[in-house]
């Protein structure tokens, strides 16, 4: 709604080209943000899977410490654990680069849009008919800056929702897993004794 309102203000000022530049900039900003966030979701899943593998291996090794020691498999376990740890770190670095790319590209898209708008506003202030006043030039700059300020928070909220859904998918997959050990069909029900009062 705010984008439409700002474009209407620019149109009323007699600068429809700035309105089009702002619309294209906003569309590019969101399109790039959504596509990179979806890609980052895949990396986020990979990071979660790698972290799960590292923690599972650590717990398994600690629980079976005596068995590992007895069969002289300590070096193999360390090598396997280090490999899983390196994979986890690599996935985290990839995800971090995706986030940095998103922030860098979106700030560049925003800067390019502002520069093009202000260049045209400067041209329209001097050469266009009807001319823009210096107050119009300042107003255009302020409107564009104010327009982009909430977009960062919208992007952050969208990213948080996408990550939450990725975590929810993982939780649902764990809950849907069938247990390996189940009660026999003819098992008698568990009868608990009343607690003993001391």
N, C-alpha and C. Protein backbone atom coordinates (compact mmCIF):
# COMPACT_ATOMS: atom_id res chain seq x y z
N UNK A 1 0.83 -1.20 0.00
CA UNK A 1 0.00 0.00 0.00
C UNK A 1 0.88 1.26 0.00
N UNK A 2 1.92 1.22 0.82
CA UNK A 2 2.81 2.38 0.91
C UNK A 2 3.49 2.66 -0.42
N UNK A 3 3.87 1.57 -1.12
CA UNK A 3 4.52 1.74 -2.43
C UNK A 3 3.59 2.44 -3.41
N UNK A 4 2.34 2.02 -3.43
CA UNK A 4 1.35 2.64 -4.33
C UNK A 4 1.15 4.10 -3.97
N UNK A 5 1.11 4.39 -2.68
CA UNK A 5 0.92 5.76 -2.22
C UNK A 5 2.10 6.65 -2.64
N UNK A 6 3.33 6.14 -2.45
CA UNK A 6 4.51 6.91 -2.83
C UNK A 6 4.55 7.13 -4.34
N UNK A 7 4.19 6.08 -5.11
CA UNK A 7 4.15 6.24 -6.57
C UNK A 7 3.12 7.29 -6.98
N UNK A 8 1.98 7.31 -6.29
CA UNK A 8 0.95 8.32 -6.60
C UNK A 8 1.46 9.73 -6.30
N UNK A 9 2.23 9.87 -5.22
CA UNK A 9 2.81 11.18 -4.90
C UNK A 9 3.78 11.61 -6.00
N UNK A 10 4.62 10.70 -6.45
CA UNK A 10 5.58 11.03 -7.51
C UNK A 10 4.85 11.39 -8.81
N UNK A 11 3.79 10.65 -9.09
CA UNK A 11 3.01 10.94 -10.30
C UNK A 11 2.40 12.33 -10.21
N UNK A 12 1.88 12.68 -9.03
CA UNK A 12 1.27 13.99 -8.82
C UNK A 12 2.30 15.11 -8.93
N UNK A 13 3.54 14.82 -8.52
CA UNK A 13 4.61 15.82 -8.63
C UNK A 13 5.03 16.06 -10.08
N UNK A 14 4.56 15.21 -10.98
CA UNK A 14 4.93 15.34 -12.38
C UNK A 14 6.20 14.58 -12.72
N UNK A 15 6.46 13.51 -11.94
CA UNK A 15 7.66 12.69 -12.19
C UNK A 15 7.26 11.22 -12.31
N UNK A 16 6.50 10.86 -13.37
CA UNK A 16 6.08 9.46 -13.49
C UNK A 16 7.25 8.51 -13.72
N UNK A 17 8.35 9.03 -14.30
CA UNK A 17 9.52 8.17 -14.52
C UNK A 17 10.09 7.71 -13.18
N UNK A 18 10.09 8.60 -12.19
CA UNK A 18 10.57 8.21 -10.86
C UNK A 18 9.65 7.16 -10.26
N UNK A 19 8.35 7.30 -10.48
CA UNK A 19 7.40 6.29 -9.98
C UNK A 19 7.69 4.92 -10.59
N UNK A 20 8.00 4.89 -11.89
CA UNK A 20 8.32 3.63 -12.56
C UNK A 20 9.63 3.07 -12.03
N UNK A 21 10.63 3.93 -11.84
CA UNK A 21 11.92 3.48 -11.30
C UNK A 21 11.73 2.87 -9.91
N UNK A 22 10.93 3.52 -9.09
CA UNK A 22 10.69 3.01 -7.73
C UNK A 22 9.97 1.67 -7.80
N UNK A 23 8.97 1.55 -8.67
CA UNK A 23 8.24 0.28 -8.80
C UNK A 23 9.17 -0.84 -9.23
N UNK A 24 10.01 -0.59 -10.23
CA UNK A 24 10.96 -1.62 -10.70
C UNK A 24 11.96 -1.98 -9.60
N UNK A 25 12.43 -0.96 -8.86
CA UNK A 25 13.38 -1.21 -7.78
C UNK A 25 12.76 -2.06 -6.68
N UNK A 26 11.54 -1.74 -6.29
CA UNK A 26 10.86 -2.51 -5.24
C UNK A 26 10.62 -3.94 -5.72
N UNK A 27 10.19 -4.10 -6.98
CA UNK A 27 9.95 -5.45 -7.52
C UNK A 27 11.24 -6.26 -7.54
N UNK A 28 12.34 -5.65 -7.99
CA UNK A 28 13.63 -6.35 -8.02
C UNK A 28 14.10 -6.69 -6.61
N UNK A 29 13.91 -5.78 -5.69
CA UNK A 29 14.31 -5.99 -4.29
C UNK A 29 13.61 -7.21 -3.71
N UNK A 30 12.28 -7.28 -3.89
CA UNK A 30 11.54 -8.39 -3.33
C UNK A 30 11.76 -9.69 -4.09
N UNK A 31 11.84 -9.62 -5.42
CA UNK A 31 12.06 -10.84 -6.20
C UNK A 31 13.39 -11.48 -5.84
N UNK A 32 14.43 -10.67 -5.77
CA UNK A 32 15.74 -11.21 -5.40
C UNK A 32 15.72 -11.73 -3.96
N UNK A 33 15.08 -10.98 -3.07
CA UNK A 33 15.02 -11.40 -1.67
C UNK A 33 14.30 -12.73 -1.49
N UNK A 34 13.17 -12.90 -2.17
CA UNK A 34 12.42 -14.15 -2.03
C UNK A 34 13.19 -15.32 -2.62
N UNK A 35 13.80 -15.12 -3.79
CA UNK A 35 14.51 -16.24 -4.42
C UNK A 35 15.72 -16.66 -3.59
N UNK A 36 16.47 -15.71 -3.06
CA UNK A 36 17.64 -16.06 -2.25
C UNK A 36 17.20 -16.67 -0.91
N UNK A 37 16.08 -16.21 -0.36
CA UNK A 37 15.60 -16.78 0.90
C UNK A 37 15.17 -18.23 0.71
N UNK A 38 14.56 -18.54 -0.42
CA UNK A 38 14.18 -19.94 -0.71
C UNK A 38 15.44 -20.79 -0.87
N UNK A 39 16.46 -20.25 -1.54
CA UNK A 39 17.73 -20.97 -1.67
C UNK A 39 18.38 -21.15 -0.30
N UNK A 40 18.31 -20.10 0.52
CA UNK A 40 18.90 -20.16 1.86
C UNK A 40 18.17 -21.17 2.74
N UNK A 41 16.88 -21.39 2.46
CA UNK A 41 16.13 -22.40 3.21
C UNK A 41 16.72 -23.79 2.98
N UNK A 42 17.11 -24.07 1.74
CA UNK A 42 17.75 -25.37 1.45
C UNK A 42 19.06 -25.49 2.21
N UNK A 43 19.83 -24.40 2.24
CA UNK A 43 21.09 -24.42 2.98
C UNK A 43 20.83 -24.56 4.48
N UNK A 44 19.77 -23.94 4.96
CA UNK A 44 19.41 -24.03 6.39
C UNK A 44 19.08 -25.48 6.75
N UNK A 45 18.34 -26.15 5.87
CA UNK A 45 18.05 -27.58 6.10
C UNK A 45 19.33 -28.40 6.13
N UNK A 46 20.24 -28.11 5.19
CA UNK A 46 21.51 -28.85 5.15
C UNK A 46 22.31 -28.62 6.42
N UNK A 47 22.30 -27.38 6.94
CA UNK A 47 23.01 -27.08 8.19
C UNK A 47 22.38 -27.87 9.34
N UNK A 48 21.04 -27.90 9.38
CA UNK A 48 20.37 -28.67 10.44
C UNK A 48 20.72 -30.15 10.36
N UNK A 49 20.71 -30.71 9.16
CA UNK A 49 21.04 -32.13 8.99
C UNK A 49 22.48 -32.41 9.41
N UNK A 50 23.39 -31.53 9.01
CA UNK A 50 24.80 -31.72 9.37
C UNK A 50 24.99 -31.60 10.88
N UNK A 51 24.32 -30.65 11.51
CA UNK A 51 24.41 -30.51 12.97
C UNK A 51 23.85 -31.74 13.68
N UNK A 52 22.73 -32.25 13.16
CA UNK A 52 22.14 -33.46 13.76
C UNK A 52 23.11 -34.63 13.67
N UNK A 53 23.78 -34.76 12.51
CA UNK A 53 24.73 -35.86 12.34
C UNK A 53 25.89 -35.74 13.33
N UNK A 54 26.39 -34.51 13.52
CA UNK A 54 27.50 -34.29 14.46
C UNK A 54 27.08 -34.64 15.88
N UNK A 55 25.92 -34.15 16.30
CA UNK A 55 25.47 -34.40 17.67
C UNK A 55 25.13 -35.87 17.89
N UNK A 56 24.53 -36.51 16.89
CA UNK A 56 24.21 -37.94 17.01
C UNK A 56 25.48 -38.76 17.17
N UNK A 57 26.48 -38.43 16.36
CA UNK A 57 27.75 -39.17 16.44
C UNK A 57 28.42 -38.96 17.79
N UNK A 58 28.38 -37.73 18.29
CA UNK A 58 29.01 -37.45 19.59
C UNK A 58 28.31 -38.24 20.70
N UNK A 59 26.99 -38.25 20.70
CA UNK A 59 26.24 -38.98 21.73
C UNK A 59 26.49 -40.48 21.60
N UNK A 60 26.45 -40.97 20.37
CA UNK A 60 26.67 -42.40 20.14
C UNK A 60 28.06 -42.82 20.61
N UNK A 61 29.05 -42.01 20.32
CA UNK A 61 30.42 -42.34 20.71
C UNK A 61 30.57 -42.32 22.23
N UNK A 62 29.96 -41.35 22.88
CA UNK A 62 30.06 -41.28 24.34
C UNK A 62 29.32 -42.44 25.01
N UNK A 63 28.17 -42.80 24.46
CA UNK A 63 27.43 -43.92 25.04
C UNK A 63 28.16 -45.25 24.86
N UNK A 64 28.83 -45.40 23.75
CA UNK A 64 29.54 -46.65 23.45
C UNK A 64 31.04 -46.52 23.66
N UNK A 65 31.43 -45.66 24.57
CA UNK A 65 32.86 -45.37 24.76
C UNK A 65 33.67 -46.64 25.07
N UNK A 66 33.16 -47.47 25.98
CA UNK A 66 33.91 -48.68 26.36
C UNK A 66 34.04 -49.64 25.18
N UNK A 67 32.98 -49.79 24.39
CA UNK A 67 33.03 -50.68 23.23
C UNK A 67 34.03 -50.17 22.20
N UNK A 68 33.99 -48.85 21.95
CA UNK A 68 34.93 -48.26 21.00
C UNK A 68 36.36 -48.48 21.47
N UNK A 69 36.58 -48.28 22.76
CA UNK A 69 37.92 -48.43 23.32
C UNK A 69 38.37 -49.89 23.27
N UNK A 70 37.45 -50.81 23.58
CA UNK A 70 37.79 -52.22 23.62
C UNK A 70 38.20 -52.75 22.24
N UNK A 71 37.55 -52.27 21.19
CA UNK A 71 37.87 -52.74 19.84
C UNK A 71 38.88 -51.84 19.13
N UNK A 72 39.51 -50.94 19.87
CA UNK A 72 40.57 -50.06 19.34
C UNK A 72 40.09 -49.28 18.11
N UNK A 73 38.90 -48.73 18.22
CA UNK A 73 38.32 -47.95 17.11
C UNK A 73 38.32 -46.46 17.41
N UNK A 74 39.11 -46.04 18.37
CA UNK A 74 39.11 -44.63 18.77
C UNK A 74 39.51 -43.72 17.62
N UNK A 75 40.57 -44.08 16.91
CA UNK A 75 41.04 -43.24 15.80
C UNK A 75 39.99 -43.14 14.69
N UNK A 76 39.33 -44.28 14.40
CA UNK A 76 38.28 -44.27 13.37
C UNK A 76 37.13 -43.36 13.77
N UNK A 77 36.74 -43.43 15.05
CA UNK A 77 35.65 -42.59 15.54
C UNK A 77 36.02 -41.11 15.47
N UNK A 78 37.25 -40.80 15.84
CA UNK A 78 37.72 -39.40 15.79
C UNK A 78 37.71 -38.90 14.35
N UNK A 79 38.22 -39.73 13.43
CA UNK A 79 38.23 -39.34 12.01
C UNK A 79 36.81 -39.11 11.50
N UNK A 80 35.92 -40.03 11.82
CA UNK A 80 34.53 -39.91 11.37
C UNK A 80 33.88 -38.66 11.96
N UNK A 81 34.10 -38.42 13.23
CA UNK A 81 33.53 -37.24 13.89
C UNK A 81 34.09 -35.95 13.28
N UNK A 82 35.40 -35.92 13.04
CA UNK A 82 36.00 -34.72 12.43
C UNK A 82 35.45 -34.46 11.03
N UNK A 83 35.21 -35.53 10.27
CA UNK A 83 34.61 -35.38 8.94
C UNK A 83 33.21 -34.78 9.02
N UNK A 84 32.41 -35.28 9.97
CA UNK A 84 31.06 -34.74 10.15
C UNK A 84 31.12 -33.29 10.61
N UNK A 85 32.06 -32.98 11.49
CA UNK A 85 32.21 -31.61 11.99
C UNK A 85 32.61 -30.65 10.87
N UNK A 86 33.52 -31.10 10.00
CA UNK A 86 33.94 -30.26 8.87
C UNK A 86 32.78 -30.03 7.91
N UNK A 87 31.99 -31.07 7.67
CA UNK A 87 30.81 -30.93 6.80
C UNK A 87 29.82 -29.91 7.39
N UNK A 88 29.62 -29.99 8.70
CA UNK A 88 28.72 -29.04 9.37
C UNK A 88 29.24 -27.61 9.24
N UNK A 89 30.53 -27.42 9.42
CA UNK A 89 31.12 -26.08 9.30
C UNK A 89 31.01 -25.56 7.88
N UNK A 90 31.25 -26.45 6.89
CA UNK A 90 31.14 -26.04 5.48
C UNK A 90 29.72 -25.59 5.15
N UNK A 91 28.72 -26.32 5.65
CA UNK A 91 27.33 -25.95 5.39
C UNK A 91 27.00 -24.60 6.04
N UNK A 92 27.52 -24.37 7.24
CA UNK A 92 27.26 -23.09 7.90
C UNK A 92 27.91 -21.93 7.15
N UNK A 93 29.10 -22.16 6.61
CA UNK A 93 29.78 -21.11 5.84
C UNK A 93 28.99 -20.81 4.56
N UNK A 94 28.49 -21.85 3.89
CA UNK A 94 27.68 -21.64 2.67
C UNK A 94 26.43 -20.82 2.99
N UNK A 95 25.77 -21.17 4.09
CA UNK A 95 24.57 -20.43 4.46
C UNK A 95 24.89 -18.98 4.81
N UNK A 96 26.02 -18.78 5.47
CA UNK A 96 26.43 -17.42 5.83
C UNK A 96 26.70 -16.60 4.57
N UNK A 97 27.33 -17.22 3.56
CA UNK A 97 27.60 -16.51 2.31
C UNK A 97 26.30 -16.15 1.60
N UNK A 98 25.30 -17.04 1.67
CA UNK A 98 24.00 -16.74 1.04
C UNK A 98 23.35 -15.53 1.71
N UNK A 99 23.44 -15.46 3.04
CA UNK A 99 22.86 -14.32 3.76
C UNK A 99 23.61 -13.04 3.41
N UNK A 100 24.95 -13.12 3.35
CA UNK A 100 25.75 -11.93 2.99
C UNK A 100 25.44 -11.48 1.57
N UNK A 101 25.30 -12.45 0.64
CA UNK A 101 24.95 -12.11 -0.74
C UNK A 101 23.61 -11.41 -0.80
N UNK A 102 22.64 -11.91 -0.04
CA UNK A 102 21.31 -11.29 -0.02
C UNK A 102 21.39 -9.85 0.48
N UNK A 103 22.08 -9.64 1.59
CA UNK A 103 22.18 -8.28 2.15
C UNK A 103 22.91 -7.34 1.20
N UNK A 104 24.02 -7.82 0.61
CA UNK A 104 24.81 -7.00 -0.31
C UNK A 104 24.01 -6.64 -1.55
N UNK A 105 23.37 -7.64 -2.15
CA UNK A 105 22.62 -7.39 -3.39
C UNK A 105 21.41 -6.49 -3.14
N UNK A 106 20.71 -6.72 -2.05
CA UNK A 106 19.54 -5.88 -1.79
C UNK A 106 19.93 -4.43 -1.50
N UNK A 107 21.03 -4.23 -0.79
CA UNK A 107 21.45 -2.84 -0.55
C UNK A 107 21.90 -2.19 -1.85
N UNK A 108 22.52 -2.97 -2.75
CA UNK A 108 22.90 -2.41 -4.06
C UNK A 108 21.68 -2.09 -4.92
N UNK A 109 20.69 -2.97 -4.90
CA UNK A 109 19.45 -2.70 -5.66
C UNK A 109 18.80 -1.42 -5.15
N UNK A 110 18.75 -1.29 -3.84
CA UNK A 110 18.16 -0.08 -3.24
C UNK A 110 18.96 1.17 -3.63
N UNK A 111 20.29 1.08 -3.54
CA UNK A 111 21.14 2.23 -3.86
C UNK A 111 21.01 2.63 -5.32
N UNK A 112 20.99 1.65 -6.21
CA UNK A 112 20.85 1.95 -7.64
C UNK A 112 19.50 2.62 -7.92
N UNK A 113 18.44 2.12 -7.30
CA UNK A 113 17.12 2.73 -7.48
C UNK A 113 17.09 4.16 -6.99
N UNK A 114 17.69 4.40 -5.81
CA UNK A 114 17.72 5.77 -5.27
C UNK A 114 18.55 6.68 -6.17
N UNK A 115 19.70 6.18 -6.63
CA UNK A 115 20.57 7.00 -7.51
C UNK A 115 19.87 7.37 -8.81
N UNK A 116 19.22 6.39 -9.45
CA UNK A 116 18.52 6.67 -10.70
C UNK A 116 17.39 7.68 -10.47
N UNK A 117 16.66 7.48 -9.38
CA UNK A 117 15.55 8.41 -9.08
C UNK A 117 16.06 9.82 -8.83
N UNK A 118 17.13 9.94 -8.06
CA UNK A 118 17.65 11.27 -7.75
C UNK A 118 18.32 11.92 -8.95
N UNK A 119 18.95 11.10 -9.81
CA UNK A 119 19.52 11.67 -11.04
C UNK A 119 18.42 12.25 -11.92
N UNK A 120 17.32 11.49 -12.06
CA UNK A 120 16.22 12.04 -12.85
C UNK A 120 15.59 13.25 -12.16
N UNK A 121 15.47 13.21 -10.82
CA UNK A 121 14.90 14.35 -10.10
C UNK A 121 15.78 15.59 -10.27
N UNK A 122 17.10 15.40 -10.26
CA UNK A 122 18.01 16.54 -10.47
C UNK A 122 17.84 17.09 -11.89
N UNK A 123 17.73 16.18 -12.86
CA UNK A 123 17.52 16.61 -14.24
C UNK A 123 16.18 17.37 -14.36
N UNK A 124 15.13 16.82 -13.72
CA UNK A 124 13.81 17.44 -13.80
C UNK A 124 13.77 18.78 -13.07
N UNK A 125 14.62 18.95 -12.07
CA UNK A 125 14.67 20.22 -11.35
C UNK A 125 15.23 21.33 -12.23
N UNK A 126 16.13 20.95 -13.16
CA UNK A 126 16.79 21.96 -13.99
C UNK A 126 16.15 22.06 -15.38
N UNK A 127 15.84 20.92 -16.01
CA UNK A 127 15.50 20.95 -17.44
C UNK A 127 14.06 20.56 -17.78
N UNK A 128 13.35 19.87 -16.92
CA UNK A 128 12.04 19.33 -17.32
C UNK A 128 10.97 20.41 -17.33
N UNK A 129 9.86 20.09 -18.00
CA UNK A 129 8.70 20.96 -18.02
C UNK A 129 7.51 20.12 -17.58
N UNK A 130 6.82 20.37 -16.50
CA UNK A 130 7.10 21.42 -15.52
C UNK A 130 8.30 21.01 -14.65
N UNK A 131 9.00 22.01 -14.17
CA UNK A 131 10.18 21.76 -13.36
C UNK A 131 9.80 21.35 -11.94
N UNK A 132 10.68 20.53 -11.37
CA UNK A 132 10.52 20.19 -9.95
C UNK A 132 11.25 21.26 -9.13
N UNK A 133 10.70 21.57 -7.99
CA UNK A 133 11.39 22.53 -7.11
C UNK A 133 12.45 21.79 -6.30
N UNK A 134 13.30 22.56 -5.63
CA UNK A 134 14.31 21.93 -4.78
C UNK A 134 13.64 21.20 -3.61
N UNK A 135 12.50 21.70 -3.16
CA UNK A 135 11.74 21.01 -2.11
C UNK A 135 11.21 19.67 -2.60
N UNK A 136 10.78 19.63 -3.89
CA UNK A 136 10.33 18.36 -4.48
C UNK A 136 11.47 17.35 -4.52
N UNK A 137 12.67 17.83 -4.85
CA UNK A 137 13.85 16.96 -4.90
C UNK A 137 14.10 16.33 -3.53
N UNK A 138 14.07 17.16 -2.49
CA UNK A 138 14.29 16.65 -1.13
C UNK A 138 13.17 15.70 -0.73
N UNK A 139 11.94 16.03 -1.08
CA UNK A 139 10.79 15.17 -0.74
C UNK A 139 10.91 13.81 -1.42
N UNK A 140 11.37 13.79 -2.68
CA UNK A 140 11.55 12.52 -3.39
C UNK A 140 12.56 11.65 -2.66
N UNK A 141 13.68 12.26 -2.26
CA UNK A 141 14.71 11.49 -1.54
C UNK A 141 14.15 10.93 -0.23
N UNK A 142 13.44 11.76 0.51
CA UNK A 142 12.88 11.31 1.80
C UNK A 142 11.84 10.21 1.60
N UNK A 143 10.98 10.37 0.61
CA UNK A 143 9.95 9.36 0.36
C UNK A 143 10.58 8.01 0.01
N UNK A 144 11.59 8.03 -0.86
CA UNK A 144 12.22 6.76 -1.26
C UNK A 144 12.91 6.10 -0.06
N UNK A 145 13.64 6.89 0.73
CA UNK A 145 14.30 6.32 1.91
C UNK A 145 13.29 5.74 2.89
N UNK A 146 12.20 6.48 3.13
CA UNK A 146 11.18 6.00 4.06
C UNK A 146 10.46 4.77 3.51
N UNK A 147 10.34 4.70 2.19
CA UNK A 147 9.68 3.55 1.57
C UNK A 147 10.45 2.27 1.82
N UNK A 148 11.79 2.33 1.74
CA UNK A 148 12.60 1.13 1.86
C UNK A 148 12.88 0.71 3.31
N UNK A 149 12.68 1.60 4.26
CA UNK A 149 12.99 1.26 5.65
C UNK A 149 12.22 0.04 6.17
N UNK A 150 10.89 -0.07 5.96
CA UNK A 150 10.20 -1.26 6.48
C UNK A 150 10.48 -2.54 5.71
N UNK A 151 11.05 -2.43 4.51
CA UNK A 151 11.29 -3.62 3.71
C UNK A 151 12.30 -4.55 4.37
N UNK A 152 13.28 -3.97 5.07
CA UNK A 152 14.26 -4.81 5.77
C UNK A 152 13.56 -5.67 6.82
N UNK A 153 12.63 -5.07 7.56
CA UNK A 153 11.93 -5.83 8.60
C UNK A 153 10.99 -6.86 8.00
N UNK A 154 10.35 -6.52 6.89
CA UNK A 154 9.51 -7.50 6.20
C UNK A 154 10.34 -8.69 5.74
N UNK A 155 11.51 -8.41 5.18
CA UNK A 155 12.39 -9.48 4.73
C UNK A 155 12.84 -10.35 5.90
N UNK A 156 13.16 -9.71 7.02
CA UNK A 156 13.59 -10.44 8.22
C UNK A 156 12.45 -11.34 8.72
N UNK A 157 11.24 -10.81 8.75
CA UNK A 157 10.09 -11.60 9.20
C UNK A 157 9.84 -12.78 8.27
N UNK A 158 9.94 -12.53 6.96
CA UNK A 158 9.74 -13.60 5.99
C UNK A 158 10.80 -14.70 6.17
N UNK A 159 12.04 -14.27 6.37
CA UNK A 159 13.13 -15.23 6.58
C UNK A 159 12.89 -16.05 7.86
N UNK A 160 12.40 -15.39 8.90
CA UNK A 160 12.12 -16.10 10.16
C UNK A 160 11.01 -17.12 9.97
N UNK A 161 9.97 -16.75 9.22
CA UNK A 161 8.86 -17.68 8.97
C UNK A 161 9.34 -18.87 8.16
N UNK A 162 10.17 -18.62 7.14
CA UNK A 162 10.68 -19.71 6.30
C UNK A 162 11.53 -20.66 7.13
N UNK A 163 12.38 -20.13 8.00
CA UNK A 163 13.21 -20.99 8.86
C UNK A 163 12.34 -21.77 9.85
N UNK A 164 11.31 -21.13 10.36
CA UNK A 164 10.41 -21.82 11.30
C UNK A 164 9.72 -22.99 10.61
N UNK A 165 9.31 -22.78 9.36
CA UNK A 165 8.69 -23.89 8.62
C UNK A 165 9.69 -25.01 8.35
N UNK A 166 10.94 -24.65 8.10
CA UNK A 166 11.97 -25.68 7.90
C UNK A 166 12.14 -26.50 9.19
N UNK A 167 12.15 -25.83 10.33
CA UNK A 167 12.25 -26.54 11.61
C UNK A 167 11.01 -27.38 11.88
N UNK A 168 9.85 -26.85 11.51
CA UNK A 168 8.61 -27.59 11.69
C UNK A 168 8.59 -28.85 10.83
N UNK A 169 9.08 -28.75 9.59
CA UNK A 169 9.17 -29.93 8.72
C UNK A 169 10.03 -31.01 9.37
N UNK A 170 11.15 -30.59 9.98
CA UNK A 170 12.05 -31.53 10.65
C UNK A 170 11.34 -32.20 11.83
N UNK A 171 10.60 -31.41 12.60
CA UNK A 171 9.87 -31.95 13.75
C UNK A 171 8.80 -32.94 13.30
N UNK A 172 8.06 -32.60 12.25
CA UNK A 172 7.01 -33.49 11.75
C UNK A 172 7.62 -34.78 11.23
N UNK A 173 8.78 -34.69 10.57
CA UNK A 173 9.44 -35.90 10.07
C UNK A 173 9.86 -36.80 11.23
N UNK A 174 10.33 -36.21 12.32
CA UNK A 174 10.72 -37.02 13.49
C UNK A 174 9.49 -37.67 14.12
N UNK A 175 8.39 -36.90 14.24
CA UNK A 175 7.18 -37.45 14.83
C UNK A 175 6.54 -38.53 13.95
N UNK A 176 6.72 -38.43 12.65
CA UNK A 176 6.12 -39.41 11.73
C UNK A 176 6.94 -40.70 11.63
N UNK A 177 8.13 -40.69 12.19
CA UNK A 177 8.99 -41.87 12.13
C UNK A 177 8.39 -43.00 12.95
N UNK A 178 8.36 -44.20 12.39
CA UNK A 178 7.81 -45.35 13.10
C UNK A 178 8.86 -45.90 14.05
N UNK A 179 8.46 -46.20 15.28
CA UNK A 179 9.44 -46.72 16.24
C UNK A 179 9.95 -48.10 15.82
N UNK A 180 11.20 -48.37 16.13
CA UNK A 180 11.78 -49.67 15.79
C UNK A 180 11.35 -50.74 16.79
N UNK A 181 11.09 -50.34 18.01
CA UNK A 181 10.68 -51.29 19.05
C UNK A 181 9.24 -50.97 19.41
N UNK A 182 8.37 -51.97 19.23
CA UNK A 182 6.95 -51.79 19.55
C UNK A 182 6.51 -52.93 20.46
N UNK A 183 5.41 -52.70 21.15
CA UNK A 183 4.86 -53.75 22.02
C UNK A 183 4.33 -54.90 21.17
N UNK A 184 4.43 -56.10 21.71
CA UNK A 184 3.85 -57.26 21.03
C UNK A 184 2.33 -57.13 21.05
N UNK A 185 1.70 -57.81 20.10
CA UNK A 185 0.24 -57.71 19.99
C UNK A 185 -0.45 -58.26 21.24
N UNK A 186 0.16 -59.29 21.87
CA UNK A 186 -0.46 -59.91 23.04
C UNK A 186 0.14 -59.40 24.36
N UNK A 187 0.79 -58.25 24.33
CA UNK A 187 1.39 -57.70 25.55
C UNK A 187 0.31 -57.26 26.52
N UNK A 188 0.55 -57.53 27.80
CA UNK A 188 -0.43 -57.13 28.81
C UNK A 188 -0.22 -55.65 29.14
N UNK A 189 -1.28 -54.96 29.50
CA UNK A 189 -1.14 -53.53 29.80
C UNK A 189 -0.32 -53.30 31.06
N UNK A 190 0.35 -52.19 31.10
CA UNK A 190 1.18 -51.84 32.26
C UNK A 190 0.28 -51.42 33.41
N UNK A 191 0.51 -52.05 34.55
CA UNK A 191 -0.27 -51.70 35.73
C UNK A 191 0.69 -51.06 36.73
N UNK A 192 0.47 -49.82 36.98
CA UNK A 192 1.34 -49.14 37.92
C UNK A 192 0.80 -49.30 39.33
N UNK A 193 1.73 -49.42 40.26
CA UNK A 193 1.34 -49.55 41.68
C UNK A 193 1.17 -48.14 42.24
N UNK A 194 0.29 -48.04 43.23
CA UNK A 194 0.13 -46.72 43.85
C UNK A 194 1.44 -46.31 44.54
N UNK A 195 1.70 -45.01 44.62
CA UNK A 195 2.95 -44.56 45.24
C UNK A 195 2.98 -44.93 46.72
N UNK A 196 4.18 -45.17 47.21
CA UNK A 196 4.36 -45.54 48.62
C UNK A 196 4.50 -44.25 49.43
N UNK A 197 3.70 -44.14 50.45
CA UNK A 197 3.81 -42.99 51.35
C UNK A 197 4.90 -43.26 52.38
N UNK A 198 5.75 -42.31 52.57
CA UNK A 198 6.83 -42.47 53.53
C UNK A 198 6.60 -41.57 54.72
